[in-house]
Amino acid sequence: MIRYFLGFSLLVFVATTGFGQRFGHLNFGNLLSEMPATAVAEKQLEAYNKEQLAIGEGMAKKLQADFASAEAKASTIPPVELRKLEAQLQKDQQAIRAFEQQMAVNLEKKRRELLGPIIKQAKDAIAAVGREKGYQMIFDSSLFNSLLFTGEGTDVLPLVKAKLGIQ
């Protein structure tokens, strides 16, 4: 009985090691940076950011002008009117802070909107290469500490770039 168990265990061990699993890796960040669509998306994102900054700067300039105007009028207007001006200036200042916070959210949303399809295209190409070449797993070597050792892994970046038509 022990012989059968040892024989079966040996057979299972040989069978699992005999069929070598293929592992690959690539630097996903490098792949994205080499895709032409990424450069286009980055330019669009930069233009959007400049547009949002211009709006924010316009709001800040208006606040400065309103503050200077209120400061000039401070000695000539009644205290009730002065408090109204101060309240309006504080409201405008809060609106600028809210715009700054919303701008960061909008910028991240725009980044996902622009880069989402590009990332999907890259992941689809990686999956296609993995299926075509028989890889069990393909690791992203651009993530810190996600790939600590590669023995027989293959860098599949050239294969994925070829799949995407990148030189």
Protein backbone atom coordinates (compact mmCIF):
# COMPACT_ATOMS: atom_id res chain seq x y z
CA MET A 1 0.00 0.00 0.00
CA ILE A 2 2.82 2.36 0.85
CA ARG A 3 4.46 1.55 -2.49
CA TYR A 4 1.30 2.54 -4.33
CA PHE A 5 1.05 5.77 -2.35
CA LEU A 6 4.71 6.64 -2.97
CA GLY A 7 4.38 5.69 -6.62
CA PHE A 8 1.25 7.81 -7.02
CA SER A 9 2.91 10.75 -5.22
CA LEU A 10 5.95 10.48 -7.46
CA LEU A 11 3.75 10.35 -10.55
CA VAL A 12 1.81 13.46 -9.46
CA PHE A 13 5.06 15.31 -8.69
CA VAL A 14 6.59 14.44 -12.06
CA ALA A 15 3.39 15.33 -13.89
CA THR A 16 3.07 18.75 -12.28
CA THR A 17 6.71 19.69 -12.73
CA GLY A 18 6.88 18.20 -16.20
CA PHE A 19 4.34 20.63 -17.54
CA GLY A 20 6.28 23.83 -17.00
CA GLN A 21 4.08 26.79 -16.37
CA ARG A 22 5.11 29.89 -18.25
CA PHE A 23 5.30 33.20 -16.47
CA GLY A 24 5.97 36.56 -18.04
CA HIS A 25 6.41 40.11 -16.87
CA LEU A 26 6.33 43.58 -18.30
CA ASN A 27 6.54 47.13 -17.06
CA PHE A 28 2.97 48.37 -17.56
CA GLY A 29 4.01 52.00 -17.03
CA ASN A 30 6.59 51.74 -19.79
CA LEU A 31 4.04 50.14 -22.09
CA LEU A 32 1.56 52.96 -21.50
CA SER A 33 4.21 55.63 -22.01
CA GLU A 34 5.15 54.11 -25.38
CA MET A 35 1.58 54.03 -26.65
CA PRO A 36 0.91 57.01 -28.97
CA ALA A 37 -2.62 57.41 -27.59
CA THR A 38 -1.15 58.11 -24.14
CA ALA A 39 0.76 61.14 -25.42
CA VAL A 40 -2.43 62.49 -27.01
CA ALA A 41 -4.38 61.91 -23.79
CA GLU A 42 -1.68 63.60 -21.71
CA LYS A 43 -1.79 66.68 -23.96
CA GLN A 44 -5.58 66.81 -23.66
CA LEU A 45 -5.30 66.46 -19.89
CA GLU A 46 -2.72 69.24 -19.75
CA ALA A 47 -4.98 71.52 -21.81
CA TYR A 48 -7.93 70.73 -19.53
CA ASN A 49 -5.80 71.49 -16.48
CA LYS A 50 -4.70 74.84 -17.95
CA GLU A 51 -8.32 75.69 -18.71
CA GLN A 52 -9.36 74.92 -15.13
CA LEU A 53 -6.41 76.89 -13.74
CA ALA A 54 -7.40 79.90 -15.86
CA ILE A 55 -10.92 79.77 -14.42
CA GLY A 56 -9.51 79.61 -10.89
CA GLU A 57 -7.10 82.46 -11.55
CA GLY A 58 -9.98 84.53 -12.93
CA MET A 59 -11.94 83.91 -9.75
CA ALA A 60 -8.93 84.90 -7.63
CA LYS A 61 -8.34 88.11 -9.62
CA LYS A 62 -12.00 89.06 -9.25
CA LEU A 63 -11.76 88.48 -5.50
CA GLN A 64 -8.64 90.65 -5.30
CA ALA A 65 -10.35 93.43 -7.26
CA ASP A 66 -13.46 93.20 -5.08
CA PHE A 67 -11.30 93.27 -1.95
CA ALA A 68 -9.41 96.35 -3.18
CA SER A 69 -12.70 98.04 -4.01
CA ALA A 70 -14.13 97.20 -0.58
CA GLU A 71 -10.97 98.43 1.10
CA ALA A 72 -11.21 101.74 -0.76
CA LYS A 73 -14.87 102.14 0.22
CA ALA A 74 -14.39 101.03 3.84
CA SER A 75 -14.07 104.52 5.28
CA THR A 76 -17.01 105.97 3.34
CA ILE A 77 -19.76 103.37 3.74
CA PRO A 78 -21.92 102.59 6.77
CA PRO A 79 -20.92 99.63 9.01
CA VAL A 80 -23.94 97.57 7.92
CA GLU A 81 -22.90 97.86 4.28
CA LEU A 82 -19.29 97.05 5.21
CA ARG A 83 -20.39 93.82 6.93
CA LYS A 84 -22.33 92.86 3.79
CA LEU A 85 -19.21 93.41 1.68
CA GLU A 86 -17.09 91.36 4.09
CA ALA A 87 -19.64 88.55 4.03
CA GLN A 88 -19.67 88.59 0.23
CA LEU A 89 -15.86 88.50 0.10
CA GLN A 90 -15.79 85.54 2.49
CA LYS A 91 -18.41 83.78 0.39
CA ASP A 92 -16.33 84.38 -2.75
CA GLN A 93 -13.21 83.10 -0.98
CA GLN A 94 -15.05 79.92 0.04
CA ALA A 95 -16.25 79.51 -3.55
CA ILE A 96 -12.62 79.62 -4.70
CA ARG A 97 -11.63 76.94 -2.16
CA ALA A 98 -14.55 74.77 -3.25
CA PHE A 99 -13.55 75.25 -6.89
CA GLU A 100 -9.97 74.19 -6.11
CA GLN A 101 -11.19 71.00 -4.44
CA GLN A 102 -13.64 70.25 -7.24
CA MET A 103 -10.91 70.96 -9.79
CA ALA A 104 -8.78 68.16 -8.33
CA VAL A 105 -11.74 65.78 -8.51
CA ASN A 106 -12.56 66.86 -12.07
CA LEU A 107 -8.95 66.45 -13.15
CA GLU A 108 -8.83 62.89 -11.82
CA LYS A 109 -12.17 62.13 -13.48
CA LYS A 110 -10.87 63.51 -16.80
CA ARG A 111 -7.67 61.44 -16.41
CA ARG A 112 -9.73 58.26 -15.97
CA GLU A 113 -11.95 59.23 -18.89
CA LEU A 114 -8.99 59.78 -21.21
CA LEU A 115 -6.69 56.99 -20.05
CA GLY A 116 -9.36 54.37 -19.31
CA PRO A 117 -9.75 53.20 -22.93
CA ILE A 118 -5.98 53.20 -23.42
CA ILE A 119 -5.44 51.07 -20.31
CA LYS A 120 -8.17 48.70 -21.47
CA GLN A 121 -6.52 48.39 -24.89
CA ALA A 122 -3.17 47.62 -23.25
CA LYS A 123 -4.69 45.04 -20.88
CA ASP A 124 -6.55 43.41 -23.77
CA ALA A 125 -3.30 43.15 -25.73
CA ILE A 126 -1.51 41.65 -22.72
CA ALA A 127 -4.30 39.09 -22.29
CA ALA A 128 -4.17 38.24 -26.00
CA VAL A 129 -0.40 37.72 -25.89
CA GLY A 130 -0.79 35.62 -22.75
CA ARG A 131 -3.35 33.38 -24.43
CA GLU A 132 -1.47 33.15 -27.75
CA LYS A 133 1.90 32.36 -26.16
CA GLY A 134 0.55 30.07 -23.42
CA TYR A 135 1.46 32.14 -20.36
CA GLN A 136 -0.16 31.20 -17.07
CA MET A 137 0.52 34.61 -15.53
CA ILE A 138 1.99 37.92 -16.61
CA PHE A 139 3.19 40.18 -13.81
CA ASP A 140 3.46 43.97 -13.80
CA SER A 141 7.07 44.70 -12.93
CA SER A 142 6.41 48.44 -12.59
CA LEU A 143 4.70 48.03 -9.22
CA PHE A 144 7.00 48.35 -6.22
CA ASN A 145 7.67 44.97 -4.58
CA SER A 146 5.21 43.12 -6.79
CA LEU A 147 7.92 41.18 -8.57
CA LEU A 148 10.79 40.27 -6.29
CA PHE A 149 12.28 37.48 -8.35
CA THR A 150 11.96 36.32 -11.91
CA GLY A 151 13.52 33.03 -12.73
CA GLU A 152 12.27 31.70 -16.01
CA GLY A 153 9.82 34.50 -16.64
CA THR A 154 9.84 36.22 -19.99
CA ASP A 155 9.60 39.95 -20.56
CA VAL A 156 6.54 40.12 -22.79
CA LEU A 157 6.76 43.88 -23.42
CA PRO A 158 8.11 43.40 -26.98
CA LEU A 159 5.29 40.96 -27.77
CA VAL A 160 2.60 43.29 -26.43
CA LYS A 161 4.12 46.28 -28.25
CA ALA A 162 4.05 44.26 -31.46
CA LYS A 163 0.41 43.36 -30.77
CA LEU A 164 -0.39 47.07 -30.38
CA GLY A 165 1.66 48.04 -33.44
CA ILE A 166 4.21 50.06 -31.47
CA GLN A 167 7.76 50.15 -32.79
